[in-house]
Amino acid sequence: MEIPIRKLFPRTQNGFVGVALSEDTQTYNVRVDWTRDRVGKLLIDGKPTVEVATPPEFSGPEGIISPEDLFVASAAVCLMTTFVTFTKKMRFEYKGFTVNGTGTLQKLEKGYQFTKIVLNATVTVESEELRPKAQRALELAGKYCLVTNSMKCETEHINNVVVE
């Protein structure tokens, strides 16, 4: 007998799917102050202030980081940091890591939404023997990246390992 997905992963009061496995909870606080037109400053205690704005495609100024940039960047940064975590656990060294992220924003019935993020990651290792470990660390990073796991849009990971 097939069990409906709702019974396997019940929706919680806040809409998330799944069951909390621990009481370990983190909170992250930010503040945005409007400065002019469609521009503001992002403030996070103990970190550099970042100027933010509506993107140029929506009448914002050129050259200022937008929420759309930050959305895609958060996925890319999380993939990197999760990869680094797994390389530490797997005890292997790599020479380089780069991830290019592309987010697709589309106008849907409910307005604009990200419908897909593609993360194209490349790891550089010293020897062919390290290729399987690097590939596995990339796979695990994609599976456990908490940011992409929290996004409702599709995320695609393209993993590359280069030996130099």
N, C-alpha and C. Protein backbone atom coordinates (compact mmCIF):
# COMPACT_ATOMS: atom_id res chain seq x y z
N MET A 1 0.84 -1.18 0.00
CA MET A 1 0.00 0.00 0.00
C MET A 1 0.89 1.25 0.00
N GLU A 2 0.60 2.17 -0.89
CA GLU A 2 1.39 3.39 -0.99
C GLU A 2 0.89 4.42 0.02
N ILE A 3 1.84 5.01 0.77
CA ILE A 3 1.49 6.02 1.76
C ILE A 3 1.56 7.38 1.10
N PRO A 4 0.50 8.20 1.24
CA PRO A 4 0.52 9.54 0.64
C PRO A 4 1.70 10.36 1.18
N ILE A 5 2.27 11.17 0.32
CA ILE A 5 3.43 11.98 0.69
C ILE A 5 3.13 12.88 1.89
N ARG A 6 1.87 13.33 2.03
CA ARG A 6 1.51 14.20 3.16
C ARG A 6 1.71 13.49 4.50
N LYS A 7 1.51 12.17 4.52
CA LYS A 7 1.70 11.44 5.77
C LYS A 7 3.18 11.21 6.05
N LEU A 8 3.96 11.03 5.00
CA LEU A 8 5.40 10.83 5.18
C LEU A 8 6.09 12.12 5.61
N PHE A 9 5.71 13.23 5.00
CA PHE A 9 6.32 14.52 5.27
C PHE A 9 5.23 15.54 5.57
N PRO A 10 4.69 15.52 6.79
CA PRO A 10 3.60 16.44 7.09
C PRO A 10 4.05 17.89 7.07
N ARG A 11 3.17 18.79 6.62
CA ARG A 11 3.48 20.22 6.64
C ARG A 11 3.37 20.71 8.07
N THR A 12 4.36 21.47 8.48
CA THR A 12 4.33 22.05 9.81
C THR A 12 3.54 23.34 9.76
N GLN A 13 3.35 23.95 10.91
CA GLN A 13 2.57 25.17 10.99
C GLN A 13 3.14 26.28 10.11
N ASN A 14 4.47 26.33 9.97
CA ASN A 14 5.08 27.37 9.16
C ASN A 14 5.19 26.98 7.69
N GLY A 15 4.65 25.84 7.30
CA GLY A 15 4.61 25.45 5.90
C GLY A 15 5.75 24.58 5.43
N PHE A 16 6.75 24.34 6.29
CA PHE A 16 7.87 23.52 5.87
C PHE A 16 7.49 22.06 5.90
N VAL A 17 8.12 21.30 5.03
CA VAL A 17 7.86 19.88 4.95
C VAL A 17 8.95 19.15 5.71
N GLY A 18 8.55 18.16 6.50
CA GLY A 18 9.53 17.36 7.22
C GLY A 18 9.33 17.46 8.71
N VAL A 19 10.15 16.72 9.41
CA VAL A 19 10.08 16.65 10.86
C VAL A 19 11.39 17.18 11.41
N ALA A 20 11.32 18.07 12.39
CA ALA A 20 12.54 18.60 13.01
C ALA A 20 13.27 17.46 13.71
N LEU A 21 14.55 17.29 13.41
CA LEU A 21 15.32 16.20 14.00
C LEU A 21 16.00 16.60 15.30
N SER A 22 16.02 17.90 15.60
CA SER A 22 16.61 18.35 16.86
C SER A 22 16.05 19.72 17.20
N GLU A 23 16.37 20.14 18.39
CA GLU A 23 15.97 21.48 18.84
C GLU A 23 17.02 22.52 18.46
N ASP A 24 18.08 22.12 17.77
CA ASP A 24 19.15 23.02 17.36
C ASP A 24 18.63 23.99 16.31
N THR A 25 18.45 25.24 16.69
CA THR A 25 17.89 26.25 15.81
C THR A 25 18.82 27.46 15.79
N GLN A 26 19.03 28.01 14.61
CA GLN A 26 19.85 29.21 14.45
C GLN A 26 18.94 30.33 13.94
N THR A 27 19.26 31.55 14.29
CA THR A 27 18.55 32.69 13.72
C THR A 27 19.58 33.65 13.12
N TYR A 28 19.18 34.32 12.05
CA TYR A 28 20.06 35.26 11.36
C TYR A 28 19.28 36.56 11.19
N ASN A 29 19.85 37.64 11.68
CA ASN A 29 19.16 38.92 11.67
C ASN A 29 19.85 39.89 10.72
N VAL A 30 19.06 40.57 9.94
CA VAL A 30 19.55 41.60 9.03
C VAL A 30 18.64 42.81 9.15
N ARG A 31 19.13 43.94 8.69
CA ARG A 31 18.30 45.15 8.63
C ARG A 31 18.59 45.84 7.31
N VAL A 32 17.58 46.38 6.70
CA VAL A 32 17.75 47.17 5.49
C VAL A 32 17.16 48.55 5.75
N ASP A 33 17.97 49.58 5.51
CA ASP A 33 17.52 50.97 5.64
C ASP A 33 17.45 51.59 4.25
N TRP A 34 16.33 52.18 3.92
CA TRP A 34 16.17 52.90 2.65
C TRP A 34 17.05 54.14 2.70
N THR A 35 17.74 54.43 1.59
CA THR A 35 18.59 55.62 1.54
C THR A 35 18.11 56.63 0.50
N ARG A 36 17.66 56.13 -0.67
CA ARG A 36 17.16 57.02 -1.72
C ARG A 36 16.52 56.18 -2.82
N ASP A 37 15.64 56.77 -3.56
CA ASP A 37 15.02 56.12 -4.72
C ASP A 37 14.73 54.64 -4.44
N ARG A 38 15.38 53.75 -5.20
CA ARG A 38 15.20 52.30 -5.03
C ARG A 38 16.45 51.67 -4.42
N VAL A 39 17.13 52.43 -3.57
CA VAL A 39 18.42 52.02 -3.00
C VAL A 39 18.33 52.01 -1.48
N GLY A 40 19.04 51.06 -0.88
CA GLY A 40 19.13 50.98 0.57
C GLY A 40 20.47 50.42 0.97
N LYS A 41 20.62 50.23 2.27
CA LYS A 41 21.84 49.60 2.75
C LYS A 41 21.46 48.41 3.62
N LEU A 42 22.16 47.31 3.38
CA LEU A 42 21.96 46.07 4.12
C LEU A 42 22.93 46.08 5.29
N LEU A 43 22.39 45.94 6.49
CA LEU A 43 23.20 45.99 7.71
C LEU A 43 23.10 44.65 8.44
N ILE A 44 24.26 44.10 8.75
CA ILE A 44 24.34 42.86 9.52
C ILE A 44 25.40 43.11 10.59
N ASP A 45 25.04 42.92 11.85
CA ASP A 45 25.96 43.22 12.94
C ASP A 45 27.32 42.58 12.73
N GLY A 46 28.37 43.39 12.86
CA GLY A 46 29.73 42.91 12.78
C GLY A 46 30.24 42.62 11.38
N LYS A 47 29.48 43.01 10.36
CA LYS A 47 29.87 42.73 8.98
C LYS A 47 29.79 44.01 8.16
N PRO A 48 30.48 44.05 7.02
CA PRO A 48 30.45 45.26 6.20
C PRO A 48 29.04 45.58 5.70
N THR A 49 28.75 46.86 5.63
CA THR A 49 27.48 47.32 5.07
C THR A 49 27.51 47.11 3.56
N VAL A 50 26.40 46.67 3.00
CA VAL A 50 26.30 46.42 1.56
C VAL A 50 25.19 47.30 0.99
N GLU A 51 25.53 48.05 -0.05
CA GLU A 51 24.51 48.84 -0.74
C GLU A 51 23.68 47.89 -1.61
N VAL A 52 22.36 48.01 -1.52
CA VAL A 52 21.46 47.14 -2.27
C VAL A 52 20.41 47.98 -2.99
N ALA A 53 19.87 47.42 -4.08
CA ALA A 53 18.88 48.16 -4.85
C ALA A 53 18.08 47.22 -5.73
N THR A 54 17.00 47.76 -6.24
CA THR A 54 16.24 47.08 -7.28
C THR A 54 17.16 46.90 -8.48
N PRO A 55 17.09 45.76 -9.19
CA PRO A 55 17.96 45.60 -10.36
C PRO A 55 17.55 46.52 -11.50
N PRO A 56 18.48 46.80 -12.41
CA PRO A 56 18.19 47.69 -13.54
C PRO A 56 16.98 47.24 -14.37
N GLU A 57 16.76 45.92 -14.45
CA GLU A 57 15.62 45.40 -15.22
C GLU A 57 14.28 45.87 -14.66
N PHE A 58 14.28 46.30 -13.40
CA PHE A 58 13.06 46.78 -12.75
C PHE A 58 13.23 48.23 -12.29
N SER A 59 13.91 49.02 -13.12
CA SER A 59 14.09 50.47 -12.92
C SER A 59 15.05 50.84 -11.81
N GLY A 60 15.91 49.94 -11.41
CA GLY A 60 16.92 50.26 -10.41
C GLY A 60 18.19 50.76 -11.06
N PRO A 61 19.11 51.29 -10.27
CA PRO A 61 20.36 51.81 -10.81
C PRO A 61 21.33 50.68 -11.18
N GLU A 62 22.24 50.98 -12.08
CA GLU A 62 23.30 50.04 -12.47
C GLU A 62 24.34 49.95 -11.35
N GLY A 63 25.00 48.81 -11.27
CA GLY A 63 26.18 48.68 -10.42
C GLY A 63 25.94 48.47 -8.94
N ILE A 64 24.71 48.18 -8.54
CA ILE A 64 24.42 47.95 -7.13
C ILE A 64 23.82 46.55 -6.99
N ILE A 65 24.23 45.84 -5.94
CA ILE A 65 23.76 44.48 -5.71
C ILE A 65 22.25 44.47 -5.45
N SER A 66 21.57 43.52 -6.09
CA SER A 66 20.11 43.42 -5.96
C SER A 66 19.73 42.19 -5.14
N PRO A 67 18.47 42.13 -4.67
CA PRO A 67 18.01 40.92 -3.99
C PRO A 67 18.14 39.68 -4.88
N GLU A 68 17.94 39.88 -6.17
CA GLU A 68 18.06 38.77 -7.12
C GLU A 68 19.50 38.26 -7.16
N ASP A 69 20.47 39.19 -7.15
CA ASP A 69 21.88 38.80 -7.08
C ASP A 69 22.15 38.00 -5.80
N LEU A 70 21.65 38.52 -4.68
CA LEU A 70 21.88 37.88 -3.39
C LEU A 70 21.24 36.50 -3.31
N PHE A 71 20.08 36.34 -3.94
CA PHE A 71 19.39 35.05 -3.93
C PHE A 71 20.25 33.98 -4.60
N VAL A 72 20.73 34.29 -5.80
CA VAL A 72 21.57 33.34 -6.53
C VAL A 72 22.91 33.17 -5.82
N ALA A 73 23.47 34.26 -5.33
CA ALA A 73 24.76 34.20 -4.63
C ALA A 73 24.67 33.34 -3.38
N SER A 74 23.56 33.42 -2.66
CA SER A 74 23.44 32.62 -1.44
C SER A 74 23.49 31.13 -1.76
N ALA A 75 22.92 30.72 -2.87
CA ALA A 75 22.99 29.32 -3.28
C ALA A 75 24.43 28.93 -3.62
N ALA A 76 25.12 29.80 -4.36
CA ALA A 76 26.50 29.51 -4.76
C ALA A 76 27.44 29.46 -3.56
N VAL A 77 27.30 30.42 -2.66
CA VAL A 77 28.16 30.47 -1.48
C VAL A 77 27.90 29.25 -0.60
N CYS A 78 26.65 28.88 -0.43
CA CYS A 78 26.32 27.72 0.39
C CYS A 78 26.90 26.45 -0.21
N LEU A 79 26.83 26.31 -1.52
CA LEU A 79 27.43 25.13 -2.15
C LEU A 79 28.92 25.07 -1.86
N MET A 80 29.60 26.22 -1.96
CA MET A 80 31.03 26.27 -1.67
C MET A 80 31.32 25.87 -0.22
N THR A 81 30.64 26.48 0.72
CA THR A 81 30.93 26.21 2.13
C THR A 81 30.57 24.78 2.52
N THR A 82 29.52 24.25 1.92
CA THR A 82 29.15 22.85 2.19
C THR A 82 30.19 21.91 1.59
N PHE A 83 30.69 22.24 0.40
CA PHE A 83 31.77 21.46 -0.21
C PHE A 83 33.00 21.45 0.70
N VAL A 84 33.39 22.62 1.19
CA VAL A 84 34.56 22.71 2.07
C VAL A 84 34.36 21.85 3.31
N THR A 85 33.17 21.88 3.88
CA THR A 85 32.86 21.05 5.05
C THR A 85 33.09 19.58 4.75
N PHE A 86 32.60 19.12 3.61
CA PHE A 86 32.77 17.71 3.27
C PHE A 86 34.23 17.35 2.97
N THR A 87 34.99 18.27 2.39
CA THR A 87 36.41 17.95 2.14
C THR A 87 37.16 17.81 3.46
N LYS A 88 36.78 18.57 4.47
CA LYS A 88 37.40 18.44 5.79
C LYS A 88 37.06 17.08 6.39
N LYS A 89 35.78 16.70 6.29
CA LYS A 89 35.35 15.41 6.84
C LYS A 89 36.00 14.25 6.10
N MET A 90 36.20 14.41 4.80
CA MET A 90 36.78 13.35 3.97
C MET A 90 38.31 13.40 3.96
N ARG A 91 38.87 14.44 4.56
CA ARG A 91 40.32 14.61 4.72
C ARG A 91 41.08 14.56 3.39
N PHE A 92 40.70 15.46 2.50
CA PHE A 92 41.50 15.57 1.28
C PHE A 92 41.65 17.04 0.90
N GLU A 93 42.74 17.31 0.22
CA GLU A 93 43.07 18.67 -0.20
C GLU A 93 42.70 18.87 -1.67
N TYR A 94 42.36 20.08 -2.00
CA TYR A 94 42.05 20.46 -3.38
C TYR A 94 42.79 21.76 -3.65
N LYS A 95 43.02 22.05 -4.91
CA LYS A 95 43.78 23.25 -5.30
C LYS A 95 42.89 24.45 -5.58
N GLY A 96 41.66 24.19 -5.99
CA GLY A 96 40.78 25.30 -6.32
C GLY A 96 39.32 24.87 -6.37
N PHE A 97 38.46 25.84 -6.16
CA PHE A 97 37.02 25.62 -6.25
C PHE A 97 36.39 26.88 -6.82
N THR A 98 35.57 26.72 -7.82
CA THR A 98 34.83 27.84 -8.41
C THR A 98 33.41 27.36 -8.67
N VAL A 99 32.46 28.23 -8.40
CA VAL A 99 31.07 27.91 -8.76
C VAL A 99 30.48 29.12 -9.47
N ASN A 100 29.87 28.88 -10.61
CA ASN A 100 29.13 29.90 -11.35
C ASN A 100 27.65 29.61 -11.18
N GLY A 101 26.91 30.60 -10.74
CA GLY A 101 25.48 30.43 -10.54
C GLY A 101 24.67 31.26 -11.52
N THR A 102 23.61 30.66 -12.03
CA THR A 102 22.69 31.37 -12.93
C THR A 102 21.27 31.13 -12.44
N GLY A 103 20.57 32.22 -12.16
CA GLY A 103 19.18 32.12 -11.74
C GLY A 103 18.26 32.57 -12.86
N THR A 104 17.19 31.82 -13.07
CA THR A 104 16.20 32.17 -14.08
C THR A 104 14.97 32.72 -13.38
N LEU A 105 14.65 33.98 -13.69
CA LEU A 105 13.50 34.66 -13.12
C LEU A 105 12.43 34.74 -14.20
N GLN A 106 11.22 34.31 -13.89
CA GLN A 106 10.15 34.33 -14.87
C GLN A 106 8.90 34.96 -14.27
N LYS A 107 8.11 35.58 -15.14
CA LYS A 107 6.83 36.13 -14.71
C LYS A 107 5.79 35.02 -14.80
N LEU A 108 5.21 34.68 -13.66
CA LEU A 108 4.20 33.64 -13.57
C LEU A 108 2.88 34.25 -13.11
N GLU A 109 1.89 33.43 -12.88
CA GLU A 109 0.58 33.93 -12.45
C GLU A 109 0.66 34.79 -11.19
N LYS A 110 1.50 34.39 -10.25
CA LYS A 110 1.63 35.11 -8.98
C LYS A 110 2.67 36.22 -9.04
N GLY A 111 3.16 36.53 -10.22
CA GLY A 111 4.20 37.54 -10.36
C GLY A 111 5.54 36.88 -10.66
N TYR A 112 6.60 37.65 -10.54
CA TYR A 112 7.93 37.13 -10.85
C TYR A 112 8.40 36.15 -9.77
N GLN A 113 9.01 35.06 -10.24
CA GLN A 113 9.59 34.07 -9.33
C GLN A 113 10.82 33.45 -9.98
N PHE A 114 11.76 33.07 -9.14
CA PHE A 114 12.85 32.25 -9.65
C PHE A 114 12.29 30.87 -9.92
N THR A 115 12.52 30.37 -11.12
CA THR A 115 12.04 29.04 -11.48
C THR A 115 13.16 28.02 -11.52
N LYS A 116 14.41 28.49 -11.60
CA LYS A 116 15.53 27.56 -11.65
C LYS A 116 16.83 28.27 -11.30
N ILE A 117 17.69 27.56 -10.60
CA ILE A 117 19.06 28.01 -10.36
C ILE A 117 19.98 26.88 -10.80
N VAL A 118 20.96 27.23 -11.62
CA VAL A 118 21.97 26.27 -12.06
C VAL A 118 23.28 26.66 -11.40
N LEU A 119 23.89 25.71 -10.70
CA LEU A 119 25.19 25.92 -10.07
C LEU A 119 26.20 25.02 -10.76
N ASN A 120 27.14 25.65 -11.44
CA ASN A 120 28.16 24.93 -12.20
C ASN A 120 29.47 25.03 -11.42
N ALA A 121 29.83 23.95 -10.73
CA ALA A 121 31.00 23.95 -9.85
C ALA A 121 32.16 23.21 -10.49
N THR A 122 33.36 23.76 -10.29
CA THR A 122 34.58 23.12 -10.77
C THR A 122 35.57 23.04 -9.62
N VAL A 123 36.05 21.83 -9.36
CA VAL A 123 37.07 21.59 -8.35
C VAL A 123 38.35 21.19 -9.06
N THR A 124 39.45 21.76 -8.63
CA THR A 124 40.75 21.39 -9.18
C THR A 124 41.51 20.60 -8.12
N VAL A 125 42.00 19.42 -8.52
CA VAL A 125 42.78 18.56 -7.62
C VAL A 125 44.13 18.26 -8.27
N GLU A 126 45.08 17.79 -7.44
CA GLU A 126 46.45 17.55 -7.92
C GLU A 126 46.62 16.24 -8.68
N SER A 127 45.81 15.23 -8.34
CA SER A 127 46.05 13.92 -8.94
C SER A 127 44.74 13.23 -9.30
N GLU A 128 44.85 12.30 -10.20
CA GLU A 128 43.69 11.51 -10.65
C GLU A 128 43.09 10.72 -9.49
N GLU A 129 43.93 10.33 -8.52
CA GLU A 129 43.45 9.56 -7.37
C GLU A 129 42.46 10.36 -6.52
N LEU A 130 42.54 11.69 -6.57
CA LEU A 130 41.64 12.52 -5.77
C LEU A 130 40.31 12.81 -6.49
N ARG A 131 40.23 12.49 -7.76
CA ARG A 131 39.02 12.78 -8.53
C ARG A 131 37.76 12.16 -7.89
N PRO A 132 37.75 10.88 -7.50
CA PRO A 132 36.53 10.32 -6.91
C PRO A 132 36.11 11.02 -5.61
N LYS A 133 37.09 11.37 -4.78
CA LYS A 133 36.75 12.08 -3.53
C LYS A 133 36.16 13.45 -3.82
N ALA A 134 36.76 14.16 -4.76
CA ALA A 134 36.25 15.49 -5.12
C ALA A 134 34.84 15.38 -5.69
N GLN A 135 34.62 14.40 -6.54
CA GLN A 135 33.29 14.20 -7.13
C GLN A 135 32.27 13.89 -6.03
N ARG A 136 32.65 13.03 -5.09
CA ARG A 136 31.74 12.67 -3.99
C ARG A 136 31.45 13.89 -3.11
N ALA A 137 32.47 14.69 -2.81
CA ALA A 137 32.26 15.89 -1.99
C ALA A 137 31.32 16.86 -2.70
N LEU A 138 31.45 17.00 -4.01
CA LEU A 138 30.53 17.85 -4.78
C LEU A 138 29.10 17.32 -4.71
N GLU A 139 28.94 16.01 -4.86
CA GLU A 139 27.61 15.41 -4.79
C GLU A 139 26.98 15.63 -3.42
N LEU A 140 27.75 15.42 -2.36
CA LEU A 140 27.24 15.63 -1.01
C LEU A 140 26.91 17.09 -0.75
N ALA A 141 27.75 17.99 -1.25
CA ALA A 141 27.48 19.42 -1.09
C ALA A 141 26.16 19.79 -1.75
N GLY A 142 25.92 19.27 -2.94
CA GLY A 142 24.66 19.53 -3.62
C GLY A 142 23.47 18.97 -2.87
N LYS A 143 23.65 17.81 -2.28
CA LYS A 143 22.55 17.17 -1.54
C LYS A 143 22.24 17.89 -0.23
N TYR A 144 23.27 18.38 0.46
CA TYR A 144 23.08 18.92 1.80
C TYR A 144 23.18 20.44 1.90
N CYS A 145 23.32 21.15 0.80
CA CYS A 145 23.36 22.61 0.83
C CYS A 145 22.04 23.13 1.42
N LEU A 146 22.10 23.73 2.59
CA LEU A 146 20.86 24.12 3.27
C LEU A 146 20.12 25.24 2.55
N VAL A 147 20.83 26.08 1.83
CA VAL A 147 20.16 27.17 1.12
C VAL A 147 19.35 26.63 -0.05
N THR A 148 19.98 25.82 -0.91
CA THR A 148 19.21 25.29 -2.05
C THR A 148 18.11 24.36 -1.57
N ASN A 149 18.32 23.66 -0.46
CA ASN A 149 17.26 22.82 0.09
C ASN A 149 16.09 23.64 0.62
N SER A 150 16.32 24.91 0.90
CA SER A 150 15.27 25.79 1.41
C SER A 150 14.56 26.56 0.31
N MET A 151 15.08 26.52 -0.90
CA MET A 151 14.48 27.26 -2.02
C MET A 151 13.38 26.43 -2.66
N LYS A 152 12.33 27.11 -3.12
CA LYS A 152 11.26 26.36 -3.77
C LYS A 152 11.47 26.18 -5.27
N CYS A 153 12.40 26.91 -5.85
CA CYS A 153 12.67 26.72 -7.28
C CYS A 153 13.57 25.50 -7.49
N GLU A 154 13.56 25.01 -8.71
CA GLU A 154 14.42 23.89 -9.08
C GLU A 154 15.88 24.33 -8.99
N THR A 155 16.74 23.46 -8.49
CA THR A 155 18.17 23.73 -8.51
C THR A 155 18.87 22.57 -9.23
N GLU A 156 19.77 22.94 -10.10
CA GLU A 156 20.54 21.95 -10.86
C GLU A 156 22.01 22.15 -10.54
N HIS A 157 22.71 21.05 -10.29
CA HIS A 157 24.14 21.11 -10.00
C HIS A 157 24.90 20.44 -11.14
N ILE A 158 25.85 21.16 -11.69
CA ILE A 158 26.75 20.61 -12.70
C ILE A 158 28.12 20.54 -12.04
N ASN A 159 28.64 19.33 -11.89
CA ASN A 159 29.89 19.11 -11.17
C ASN A 159 31.02 18.76 -12.12
N ASN A 160 32.14 19.45 -11.96
CA ASN A 160 33.32 19.22 -12.78
C ASN A 160 34.53 19.05 -11.87
N VAL A 161 35.36 18.07 -12.19
CA VAL A 161 36.61 17.88 -11.46
C VAL A 161 37.74 17.92 -12.48
N VAL A 162 38.71 18.79 -12.23
CA VAL A 162 39.85 18.97 -13.13
C VAL A 162 41.12 18.56 -12.39
N VAL A 163 41.98 17.81 -13.06
CA VAL A 163 43.27 17.43 -12.49
C VAL A 163 44.35 18.31 -13.10
N GLU A 164 45.11 18.99 -12.24
CA GLU A 164 46.22 19.86 -12.71
C GLU A 164 47.46 19.56 -11.91
